[in-house]
Amino acid sequence: MWDTTQYLRFGEERSRPFFDLVSRVGAEKPGFVVDMGCGPGNLTAALAERWPSATVVGVDSSPEMIEAAQARVKPADAPGLSFMRDDVRHWKPQALPDVIVSNAVLQWVPEHRELLADWAGWLPDGGWLAVQVPGNFEQPSHALMRELAGSPRWRPLLGDVNLTRQSADPADYAELLALAGCEVDVWETTYLHILQGADPVLEWIKGTGLRPVLAVLDAEQAADFLAEYGKRLRVAYPPRPVGTVLPFRRIFAVAHRAS
């Protein structure tokens, strides 16, 4: 279960990679735009604002996210924007999308290279595919979570939990999309987010990476896990006079099928 309020707590930091990604998409007047894994819909709405004449569809498997997205849509402001609940692994378009965007979603999909190749295959001449995935799997935030989940106390409860799998190497994406017949632009960026408040790195991860863990623990167990994990995070990410610095590496890929 996704907590949309928790997810949006760091909305500005989470949205910046999206805008850096779509700034490289050169589509002028696409007719059909798809946001794969649209979450609460705030960034899908930005696509509708950029391309007001397009049909823009946000797809997400979370009922909580789709409910939040639909609640924020005002048909008079964005007549071409809609949302639907579906799994991005199985959703198929009724017409070829001119633009496909997927922001911080594919790290949850084990077979995402194959899925990315399928999406590239949907592109018509002149179509665009833009994808961003986290690349911080080896950072303390995730390494400490895996370490704790695999400890003697928590392994019986969390041993079968599938944590986020993160990205491939940027060169893999470049090769995959080039072999699909696209012009490719792949890059990576490490953002240095300066977060405020108590245990901000823990609060950040509660909105995303910790979701599979918290989904299987009861309230008391979750409180104990968060207390132990938060203690480790405070050592790895100590507060500084300006706040707590969270380095966050992200990988971007934009593919264009030339006309």
C-alpha atoms as a PDB file:
ATOM      1  CA  MET A   1       0.000   0.000   0.000  1.00  0.00           C
ATOM      2  CA  TRP A   2       1.350   3.389  -1.020  1.00  0.00           C
ATOM      3  CA  ASP A   3       1.011   6.408   1.275  1.00  0.00           C
ATOM      4  CA  THR A   4       0.623   9.340  -1.105  1.00  0.00           C
ATOM      5  CA  THR A   5       1.107  11.922   1.647  1.00  0.00           C
ATOM      6  CA  GLN A   6       4.409  10.350   2.706  1.00  0.00           C
ATOM      7  CA  TYR A   7       5.521  10.038  -0.912  1.00  0.00           C
ATOM      8  CA  LEU A   8       4.857  13.723  -1.615  1.00  0.00           C
ATOM      9  CA  ARG A   9       6.567  14.918   1.555  1.00  0.00           C
ATOM     10  CA  PHE A  10       9.722  15.532  -0.492  1.00  0.00           C
ATOM     11  CA  GLY A  11       7.827  16.404  -3.649  1.00  0.00           C
ATOM     12  CA  GLU A  12      10.213  19.065  -4.902  1.00  0.00           C
ATOM     13  CA  GLU A  13      13.255  16.810  -4.609  1.00  0.00           C
ATOM     14  CA  ARG A  14      11.447  13.867  -6.186  1.00  0.00           C
ATOM     15  CA  SER A  15      10.116  15.926  -9.095  1.00  0.00           C
ATOM     16  CA  ARG A  16      13.399  17.497 -10.176  1.00  0.00           C
ATOM     17  CA  PRO A  17      14.689  14.373 -12.005  1.00  0.00           C
ATOM     18  CA  PHE A  18      11.356  14.176 -13.863  1.00  0.00           C
ATOM     19  CA  PHE A  19      11.751  17.686 -15.256  1.00  0.00           C
ATOM     20  CA  ASP A  20      15.408  17.085 -16.073  1.00  0.00           C
ATOM     21  CA  LEU A  21      14.299  13.977 -17.960  1.00  0.00           C
ATOM     22  CA  VAL A  22      11.434  15.404 -19.989  1.00  0.00           C
ATOM     23  CA  SER A  23      13.433  18.526 -20.857  1.00  0.00           C
ATOM     24  CA  ARG A  24      15.354  16.290 -23.285  1.00  0.00           C
ATOM     25  CA  VAL A  25      12.186  15.143 -25.066  1.00  0.00           C
ATOM     26  CA  GLY A  26      11.860  17.125 -28.270  1.00  0.00           C
ATOM     27  CA  ALA A  27       8.273  16.276 -29.195  1.00  0.00           C
ATOM     28  CA  GLU A  28       6.399  19.397 -30.294  1.00  0.00           C
ATOM     29  CA  LYS A  29       2.752  18.365 -30.728  1.00  0.00           C
ATOM     30  CA  PRO A  30       2.320  14.714 -29.760  1.00  0.00           C
ATOM     31  CA  GLY A  31      -1.159  13.276 -30.024  1.00  0.00           C
ATOM     32  CA  PHE A  32      -0.839  10.526 -27.397  1.00  0.00           C
ATOM     33  CA  VAL A  33       1.362  10.660 -24.283  1.00  0.00           C
ATOM     34  CA  VAL A  34       1.627   7.907 -21.648  1.00  0.00           C
ATOM     35  CA  ASP A  35       3.061   8.242 -18.141  1.00  0.00           C
ATOM     36  CA  MET A  36       3.962   4.721 -17.011  1.00  0.00           C
ATOM     37  CA  GLY A  37       3.842   4.498 -13.223  1.00  0.00           C
ATOM     38  CA  CYS A  38       2.247   7.894 -12.786  1.00  0.00           C
ATOM     39  CA  GLY A  39       1.986   7.821  -8.983  1.00  0.00           C
ATOM     40  CA  PRO A  40      -0.212  10.589  -7.544  1.00  0.00           C
ATOM     41  CA  GLY A  41      -0.482  12.283 -10.941  1.00  0.00           C
ATOM     42  CA  ASN A  42       1.145  15.623 -10.148  1.00  0.00           C
ATOM     43  CA  LEU A  43       3.872  15.098 -12.745  1.00  0.00           C
ATOM     44  CA  THR A  44       1.474  13.608 -15.296  1.00  0.00           C
ATOM     45  CA  ALA A  45      -0.435  16.873 -15.027  1.00  0.00           C
ATOM     46  CA  ALA A  46       2.777  18.678 -15.987  1.00  0.00           C
ATOM     47  CA  LEU A  47       2.856  16.641 -19.205  1.00  0.00           C
ATOM     48  CA  ALA A  48      -0.714  17.715 -19.952  1.00  0.00           C
ATOM     49  CA  GLU A  49       0.281  21.333 -19.373  1.00  0.00           C
ATOM     50  CA  ARG A  50       3.246  21.023 -21.723  1.00  0.00           C
ATOM     51  CA  TRP A  51       1.178  19.350 -24.461  1.00  0.00           C
ATOM     52  CA  PRO A  52      -2.386  20.671 -23.943  1.00  0.00           C
ATOM     53  CA  SER A  53      -3.704  19.274 -27.216  1.00  0.00           C
ATOM     54  CA  ALA A  54      -2.513  15.724 -26.462  1.00  0.00           C
ATOM     55  CA  THR A  55      -4.371  12.816 -24.923  1.00  0.00           C
ATOM     56  CA  VAL A  56      -2.341  12.117 -21.781  1.00  0.00           C
ATOM     57  CA  VAL A  57      -2.873   8.886 -19.831  1.00  0.00           C
ATOM     58  CA  GLY A  58      -1.307   8.051 -16.472  1.00  0.00           C
ATOM     59  CA  VAL A  59      -0.994   4.348 -15.633  1.00  0.00           C
ATOM     60  CA  ASP A  60      -0.263   2.967 -12.156  1.00  0.00           C
ATOM     61  CA  SER A  61      -0.953  -0.289 -10.323  1.00  0.00           C
ATOM     62  CA  SER A  62      -1.578   1.347  -6.926  1.00  0.00           C
ATOM     63  CA  PRO A  63      -5.230   2.082  -6.129  1.00  0.00           C
ATOM     64  CA  GLU A  64      -4.107   4.721  -3.605  1.00  0.00           C
ATOM     65  CA  MET A  65      -2.035   6.521  -6.219  1.00  0.00           C
ATOM     66  CA  ILE A  66      -4.757   6.407  -8.877  1.00  0.00           C
ATOM     67  CA  GLU A  67      -7.339   7.654  -6.391  1.00  0.00           C
ATOM     68  CA  ALA A  68      -5.078  10.579  -5.474  1.00  0.00           C
ATOM     69  CA  ALA A  69      -4.374  11.303  -9.142  1.00  0.00           C
ATOM     70  CA  GLN A  70      -8.041  11.308 -10.116  1.00  0.00           C
ATOM     71  CA  ALA A  71      -8.893  13.553  -7.171  1.00  0.00           C
ATOM     72  CA  ARG A  72      -6.495  16.221  -8.382  1.00  0.00           C
ATOM     73  CA  VAL A  73      -7.723  16.280 -11.992  1.00  0.00           C
ATOM     74  CA  LYS A  74     -10.105  19.063 -12.970  1.00  0.00           C
ATOM     75  CA  PRO A  75     -11.508  18.148 -16.386  1.00  0.00           C
ATOM     76  CA  ALA A  76     -12.007  21.793 -17.296  1.00  0.00           C
ATOM     77  CA  ASP A  77      -8.293  22.467 -16.765  1.00  0.00           C
ATOM     78  CA  ALA A  78      -6.983  19.335 -18.472  1.00  0.00           C
ATOM     79  CA  PRO A  79      -9.629  17.792 -20.741  1.00  0.00           C
ATOM     80  CA  GLY A  80      -7.145  15.396 -22.346  1.00  0.00           C
ATOM     81  CA  LEU A  81      -5.775  14.002 -19.066  1.00  0.00           C
ATOM     82  CA  SER A  82      -6.962  10.738 -17.506  1.00  0.00           C
ATOM     83  CA  PHE A  83      -5.686   7.997 -15.224  1.00  0.00           C
ATOM     84  CA  MET A  84      -6.179   4.265 -15.134  1.00  0.00           C
ATOM     85  CA  ARG A  85      -5.183   1.510 -12.768  1.00  0.00           C
ATOM     86  CA  ASP A  86      -3.089  -1.168 -14.439  1.00  0.00           C
ATOM     87  CA  ASP A  87       0.290  -2.852 -14.135  1.00  0.00           C
ATOM     88  CA  VAL A  88       2.871  -1.247 -16.408  1.00  0.00           C
ATOM     89  CA  ARG A  89       4.195  -4.740 -17.178  1.00  0.00           C
ATOM     90  CA  HIS A  90       0.913  -5.737 -18.811  1.00  0.00           C
ATOM     91  CA  TRP A  91      -0.713  -2.522 -20.025  1.00  0.00           C
ATOM     92  CA  LYS A  92      -0.979  -2.244 -23.806  1.00  0.00           C
ATOM     93  CA  PRO A  93      -1.869   0.914 -25.753  1.00  0.00           C
ATOM     94  CA  GLN A  94      -4.821   1.020 -28.104  1.00  0.00           C
ATOM     95  CA  ALA A  95      -2.799   3.329 -30.346  1.00  0.00           C
ATOM     96  CA  LEU A  96       0.943   3.894 -30.674  1.00  0.00           C
ATOM     97  CA  PRO A  97       2.121   6.493 -28.119  1.00  0.00           C
ATOM     98  CA  ASP A  98       4.046   9.465 -29.461  1.00  0.00           C
ATOM     99  CA  VAL A  99       5.703   9.936 -26.054  1.00  0.00           C
ATOM    100  CA  ILE A 100       6.246   7.383 -23.278  1.00  0.00           C
ATOM    101  CA  VAL A 101       7.547   8.644 -19.927  1.00  0.00           C
ATOM    102  CA  SER A 102       8.506   6.468 -16.960  1.00  0.00           C
ATOM    103  CA  ASN A 103       9.952   8.221 -13.931  1.00  0.00           C
ATOM    104  CA  ALA A 104      11.387   6.182 -11.019  1.00  0.00           C
ATOM    105  CA  VAL A 105       9.273   3.093 -11.709  1.00  0.00           C
ATOM    106  CA  LEU A 106      11.319   0.419 -13.457  1.00  0.00           C
ATOM    107  CA  GLN A 107      13.447  -0.295 -10.372  1.00  0.00           C
ATOM    108  CA  TRP A 108      10.391  -2.200  -9.098  1.00  0.00           C
ATOM    109  CA  VAL A 109      10.235  -4.413 -12.213  1.00  0.00           C
ATOM    110  CA  PRO A 110      12.703  -7.333 -12.290  1.00  0.00           C
ATOM    111  CA  GLU A 111      12.372  -7.825 -16.053  1.00  0.00           C
ATOM    112  CA  HIS A 112      12.484  -4.126 -16.848  1.00  0.00           C
ATOM    113  CA  ARG A 113      15.059  -4.422 -19.657  1.00  0.00           C
ATOM    114  CA  GLU A 114      12.634  -6.567 -21.637  1.00  0.00           C
ATOM    115  CA  LEU A 115       9.810  -4.157 -20.828  1.00  0.00           C
ATOM    116  CA  LEU A 116      11.909  -1.206 -21.961  1.00  0.00           C
ATOM    117  CA  ALA A 117      12.592  -2.948 -25.269  1.00  0.00           C
ATOM    118  CA  ASP A 118       8.844  -3.516 -25.711  1.00  0.00           C
ATOM    119  CA  TRP A 119       8.125   0.155 -25.088  1.00  0.00           C
ATOM    120  CA  ALA A 120      10.766   1.199 -27.595  1.00  0.00           C
ATOM    121  CA  GLY A 121       9.092  -1.107 -30.094  1.00  0.00           C
ATOM    122  CA  TRP A 122       5.800   0.740 -29.675  1.00  0.00           C
ATOM    123  CA  LEU A 123       7.256   4.044 -30.839  1.00  0.00           C
ATOM    124  CA  PRO A 124       6.092   5.313 -34.211  1.00  0.00           C
ATOM    125  CA  ASP A 125       8.395   7.325 -36.433  1.00  0.00           C
ATOM    126  CA  GLY A 126       9.188  10.511 -34.532  1.00  0.00           C
ATOM    127  CA  GLY A 127       8.242   8.943 -31.184  1.00  0.00           C
ATOM    128  CA  TRP A 128      10.034   9.464 -27.869  1.00  0.00           C
ATOM    129  CA  LEU A 129      10.724   7.266 -24.843  1.00  0.00           C
ATOM    130  CA  ALA A 130      12.064   8.865 -21.662  1.00  0.00           C
ATOM    131  CA  VAL A 131      13.004   6.820 -18.582  1.00  0.00           C
ATOM    132  CA  GLN A 132      14.607   7.619 -15.230  1.00  0.00           C
ATOM    133  CA  VAL A 133      15.603   5.044 -12.604  1.00  0.00           C
ATOM    134  CA  PRO A 134      17.443   5.364  -9.285  1.00  0.00           C
ATOM    135  CA  GLY A 135      21.019   4.141  -9.352  1.00  0.00           C
ATOM    136  CA  ASN A 136      21.790   4.256  -5.624  1.00  0.00           C
ATOM    137  CA  PHE A 137      21.403   0.560  -4.826  1.00  0.00           C
ATOM    138  CA  GLU A 138      24.847   0.368  -3.194  1.00  0.00           C
ATOM    139  CA  GLN A 139      24.425   3.530  -1.116  1.00  0.00           C
ATOM    140  CA  PRO A 140      24.079   3.177   2.693  1.00  0.00           C
ATOM    141  CA  SER A 141      20.336   3.856   2.536  1.00  0.00           C
ATOM    142  CA  HIS A 142      19.726   0.595   0.668  1.00  0.00           C
ATOM    143  CA  ALA A 143      22.688  -1.438   1.878  1.00  0.00           C
ATOM    144  CA  LEU A 144      21.659  -0.895   5.507  1.00  0.00           C
ATOM    145  CA  MET A 145      18.069  -1.873   4.735  1.00  0.00           C
ATOM    146  CA  ARG A 146      19.167  -5.137   3.119  1.00  0.00           C
ATOM    147  CA  GLU A 147      21.591  -5.812   5.963  1.00  0.00           C
ATOM    148  CA  LEU A 148      18.947  -5.266   8.618  1.00  0.00           C
ATOM    149  CA  ALA A 149      16.259  -7.233   6.772  1.00  0.00           C
ATOM    150  CA  GLY A 150      18.684 -10.145   6.541  1.00  0.00           C
ATOM    151  CA  SER A 151      19.679 -10.073  10.208  1.00  0.00           C
ATOM    152  CA  PRO A 152      18.691 -12.975  12.516  1.00  0.00           C
ATOM    153  CA  ARG A 153      15.859 -10.989  14.087  1.00  0.00           C
ATOM    154  CA  TRP A 154      14.211  -9.891  10.850  1.00  0.00           C
ATOM    155  CA  ARG A 155      15.081 -12.610   8.347  1.00  0.00           C
ATOM    156  CA  PRO A 156      12.170 -14.903   9.355  1.00  0.00           C
ATOM    157  CA  LEU A 157       9.731 -12.065   8.618  1.00  0.00           C
ATOM    158  CA  LEU A 158      11.457 -10.323   5.713  1.00  0.00           C
ATOM    159  CA  GLY A 159      13.474 -13.053   4.006  1.00  0.00           C
ATOM    160  CA  ASP A 160      10.957 -13.378   1.162  1.00  0.00           C
ATOM    161  CA  VAL A 161      10.312  -9.664   0.695  1.00  0.00           C
ATOM    162  CA  ASN A 162      11.338  -8.298  -2.705  1.00  0.00           C
ATOM    163  CA  LEU A 163      13.131  -5.018  -2.191  1.00  0.00           C
ATOM    164  CA  THR A 164      13.624  -2.513  -5.000  1.00  0.00           C
ATOM    165  CA  ARG A 165      16.122  -3.846  -7.561  1.00  0.00           C
ATOM    166  CA  GLN A 166      17.355  -0.537  -8.962  1.00  0.00           C
ATOM    167  CA  SER A 167      18.950   0.057 -12.333  1.00  0.00           C
ATOM    168  CA  ALA A 168      21.247  -1.517 -14.853  1.00  0.00           C
ATOM    169  CA  ASP A 169      24.466   0.098 -15.996  1.00  0.00           C
ATOM    170  CA  PRO A 170      23.851   3.220 -18.139  1.00  0.00           C
ATOM    171  CA  ALA A 171      25.730   1.624 -21.035  1.00  0.00           C
ATOM    172  CA  ASP A 172      23.277  -1.289 -20.976  1.00  0.00           C
ATOM    173  CA  TYR A 173      20.367   1.075 -21.548  1.00  0.00           C
ATOM    174  CA  ALA A 174      22.231   2.867 -24.326  1.00  0.00           C
ATOM    175  CA  GLU A 175      22.912  -0.410 -26.120  1.00  0.00           C
ATOM    176  CA  LEU A 176      19.402  -1.783 -25.592  1.00  0.00           C
ATOM    177  CA  LEU A 177      17.687   1.290 -27.009  1.00  0.00           C
ATOM    178  CA  ALA A 178      20.152   1.682 -29.869  1.00  0.00           C
ATOM    179  CA  LEU A 179      19.548  -1.936 -30.879  1.00  0.00           C
ATOM    180  CA  ALA A 180      15.831  -1.100 -30.894  1.00  0.00           C
ATOM    181  CA  GLY A 181      16.551   1.345 -33.710  1.00  0.00           C
ATOM    182  CA  CYS A 182      16.484   4.571 -31.710  1.00  0.00           C
ATOM    183  CA  GLU A 183      18.724   7.574 -31.355  1.00  0.00           C
ATOM    184  CA  VAL A 184      19.810   7.474 -27.729  1.00  0.00           C
ATOM    185  CA  ASP A 185      20.783   9.959 -25.038  1.00  0.00           C
ATOM    186  CA  VAL A 186      21.829   8.353 -21.739  1.00  0.00           C
ATOM    187  CA  TRP A 187      23.358  10.090 -18.727  1.00  0.00           C
ATOM    188  CA  GLU A 188      23.545   9.966 -14.965  1.00  0.00           C
ATOM    189  CA  THR A 189      23.369  12.578 -12.226  1.00  0.00           C
ATOM    190  CA  THR A 190      23.989  12.446  -8.488  1.00  0.00           C
ATOM    191  CA  TYR A 191      21.747  14.933  -6.726  1.00  0.00           C
ATOM    192  CA  LEU A 192      22.777  16.202  -3.303  1.00  0.00           C
ATOM    193  CA  HIS A 193      19.490  16.746  -1.510  1.00  0.00           C
ATOM    194  CA  ILE A 194      19.721  18.806   1.672  1.00  0.00           C
ATOM    195  CA  LEU A 195      16.873  17.517   3.805  1.00  0.00           C
ATOM    196  CA  GLN A 196      15.416  19.155   6.895  1.00  0.00           C
ATOM    197  CA  GLY A 197      13.740  17.786  10.006  1.00  0.00           C
ATOM    198  CA  ALA A 198      14.274  14.797  12.273  1.00  0.00           C
ATOM    199  CA  ASP A 199      15.414  11.567  10.595  1.00  0.00           C
ATOM    200  CA  PRO A 200      14.790  12.962   7.093  1.00  0.00           C
ATOM    201  CA  VAL A 201      16.497  10.105   5.244  1.00  0.00           C
ATOM    202  CA  LEU A 202      14.266   7.625   7.062  1.00  0.00           C
ATOM    203  CA  GLU A 203      11.211   9.732   6.214  1.00  0.00           C
ATOM    204  CA  TRP A 204      12.309   9.833   2.558  1.00  0.00           C
ATOM    205  CA  ILE A 205      12.686   6.066   2.330  1.00  0.00           C
ATOM    206  CA  LYS A 206       9.402   5.421   4.148  1.00  0.00           C
ATOM    207  CA  GLY A 207       7.709   6.906   1.080  1.00  0.00           C
ATOM    208  CA  THR A 208       9.361   4.501  -1.376  1.00  0.00           C
ATOM    209  CA  GLY A 209      11.983   1.840  -0.683  1.00  0.00           C
ATOM    210  CA  LEU A 210      10.623   0.778   2.721  1.00  0.00           C
ATOM    211  CA  ARG A 211       7.124   0.141   1.367  1.00  0.00           C
ATOM    212  CA  PRO A 212       7.608  -3.645   0.860  1.00  0.00           C
ATOM    213  CA  VAL A 213       9.045  -3.992   4.365  1.00  0.00           C
ATOM    214  CA  LEU A 214       6.295  -2.054   6.107  1.00  0.00           C
ATOM    215  CA  ALA A 215       3.620  -3.903   4.140  1.00  0.00           C
ATOM    216  CA  VAL A 216       4.394  -7.216   5.877  1.00  0.00           C
ATOM    217  CA  LEU A 217       5.054  -5.992   9.434  1.00  0.00           C
ATOM    218  CA  ASP A 218       2.420  -5.211  12.029  1.00  0.00           C
ATOM    219  CA  ALA A 219       2.459  -1.836  13.780  1.00  0.00           C
ATOM    220  CA  GLU A 220       4.693  -2.915  16.653  1.00  0.00           C
ATOM    221  CA  GLN A 221       7.140  -4.723  14.398  1.00  0.00           C
ATOM    222  CA  ALA A 222       7.264  -1.789  12.000  1.00  0.00           C
ATOM    223  CA  ALA A 223       8.032   0.614  14.852  1.00  0.00           C
ATOM    224  CA  ASP A 224      10.887  -1.609  16.034  1.00  0.00           C
ATOM    225  CA  PHE A 225      12.323  -1.984  12.524  1.00  0.00           C
ATOM    226  CA  LEU A 226      12.134   1.767  11.865  1.00  0.00           C
ATOM    227  CA  ALA A 227      13.810   2.545  15.184  1.00  0.00           C
ATOM    228  CA  GLU A 228      16.730   0.236  14.438  1.00  0.00           C
ATOM    229  CA  TYR A 229      17.025   1.293  10.795  1.00  0.00           C
ATOM    230  CA  GLY A 230      16.756   4.974  11.697  1.00  0.00           C
ATOM    231  CA  LYS A 231      19.596   4.631  14.195  1.00  0.00           C
ATOM    232  CA  ARG A 232      21.848   3.201  11.486  1.00  0.00           C
ATOM    233  CA  LEU A 233      20.821   5.875   9.021  1.00  0.00           C
ATOM    234  CA  ARG A 234      21.704   8.660  11.469  1.00  0.00           C
ATOM    235  CA  VAL A 235      25.257   7.319  11.588  1.00  0.00           C
ATOM    236  CA  ALA A 236      25.493   7.021   7.803  1.00  0.00           C
ATOM    237  CA  TYR A 237      23.814  10.400   7.170  1.00  0.00           C
ATOM    238  CA  PRO A 238      24.669  12.646  10.139  1.00  0.00           C
ATOM    239  CA  PRO A 239      22.871  15.977  10.416  1.00  0.00           C
ATOM    240  CA  ARG A 240      24.931  19.020   9.438  1.00  0.00           C
ATOM    241  CA  PRO A 241      24.421  22.702  10.232  1.00  0.00           C
ATOM    242  CA  VAL A 242      22.551  23.152   6.925  1.00  0.00           C
ATOM    243  CA  GLY A 243      20.545  19.913   7.164  1.00  0.00           C
ATOM    244  CA  THR A 244      21.114  16.272   6.275  1.00  0.00           C
ATOM    245  CA  VAL A 245      22.779  15.641   2.905  1.00  0.00           C
ATOM    246  CA  LEU A 246      21.368  12.728   0.901  1.00  0.00           C
ATOM    247  CA  PRO A 247      23.375  11.889  -2.245  1.00  0.00           C
ATOM    248  CA  PHE A 248      21.046  10.293  -4.780  1.00  0.00           C
ATOM    249  CA  ARG A 249      22.335   8.901  -8.083  1.00  0.00           C
ATOM    250  CA  ARG A 250      19.848   8.619 -10.929  1.00  0.00           C
ATOM    251  CA  ILE A 251      20.151   7.243 -14.451  1.00  0.00           C
ATOM    252  CA  PHE A 252      18.342   8.761 -17.433  1.00  0.00           C
ATOM    253  CA  ALA A 253      17.655   7.415 -20.896  1.00  0.00           C
ATOM    254  CA  VAL A 254      15.871   9.193 -23.758  1.00  0.00           C
ATOM    255  CA  ALA A 255      15.270   7.381 -27.014  1.00  0.00           C
ATOM    256  CA  HIS A 256      13.959   8.927 -30.248  1.00  0.00           C
ATOM    257  CA  ARG A 257      12.793   7.009 -33.274  1.00  0.00           C
ATOM    258  CA  ALA A 258      13.702   9.286 -36.129  1.00  0.00           C
ATOM    259  CA  SER A 259      11.161   9.963 -38.839  1.00  0.00           C
END
